[in-house]
Amino acid sequence: MTTLQPPVAAKPRKARPPAQGDRRSWTGWGFIGPFVAVFALVFLAPIAYSIYLSLFRDQLIGGTQFVGMDNYTQALKDERFWESLARVSLFLAVQVPIMLGIALLIALALDSGRLFGKDFFRIAIFLPYAVPAVVATLMWGFMYGTKYGLVGDINDAFGVTLPDPLSSDLVLASIGNIVTWEFIGYNMLIFYSALRVIPQSLYEAAEIDGAGQVRIVTAIKLPAIRGALVIATIFSIIGSFQLFNEPSILRPLARNAITTDFTPNFYTYSLSFNGQQHNYSAAVAIIMGLITMVIAYVVQLRGMRKGA
């Protein structure tokens, strides 16, 4: 006699889990998506539009026409552009080492622990950075005045004739003084923050070996903050090539010394808003951006190789 076996229940199918790689990729995009959108909107899109503008030219006959690389060729032959670039290069070569050197000395003095009232000095030196560039330039511009400013008051009080800080020979140095006054505190804070994270054990080992303060600075502190030095140098180089606020604000006080092509940024601004040469100014701006990028990259690469 055959016995009937009870039917075997079918095993439920297990749901296939989603691919781990797909889930991770979408999760990552969820985090960085807002930043990528804002970055593309405020950074990549203006650059792309500037490149697009630089390939055209407004003409009296025919209107806006595609000219390809003609604007770039014209910019590379433009003596006014190269003169402005040489001027800011001189400014960079003189002002940046002075500013960074003073900021480094102040940071080392604050970190030494031998400066009385270091908290007050740190805040006082950083305070000029909190002053807007427009206010700082106007303040120094009136101090430079030979008829109504501090220089003029000194001339009248002591019967002397000081050199005019806003003359053609001294205006670049006067602008350098303003920029140095503004940004010493900013760079000092970068160096001081890097000095504060140096392990204390290195100082203890140097003290056991009988190293003096100069040896500690050269053998421990400076190598340890090499990265901060490179960053501050790159920021200063970019800021020098972007010099615009100070010359544009001082120009009403020194029209004979500060021309519309005093710096590359000022020249680009004048071409676009005063000369209505939007396409050509876009080409000049792109060239200037490439030059700044290459020099900043070379400085970074050189700093990284030295730090290796």
Foldseek 3Di string as FASTA:
>chain_A
DDDDDDDDDDDDDDDDDPDPVVVVVVVVCVVCVVVVVVCCVPPVVVLVVLVVLLQWFADPPPGIDGNGCVLLVVLVVDPLQVVQVVLLVVLLVPLVVVLLVVLLVLLLVLVVPPDPPSVVVLCVQQVLLVDDLLVLLVLLLQCLDCCRHVVVVVCVVVVDHDDRCLAQVRVSVSVSVSVSSNCSSVLSVLLNVQQVPFDPVVVVVCVVVVHDPVCCCVPPRCLSCLVSVLVSSLVSLVCSLCDDSNLVSNCVVRVPNRDCSNHLNSVLVCCVPVVVGSNSSSSSVVVSVVVSVVVSVVSVVVSVVVSD
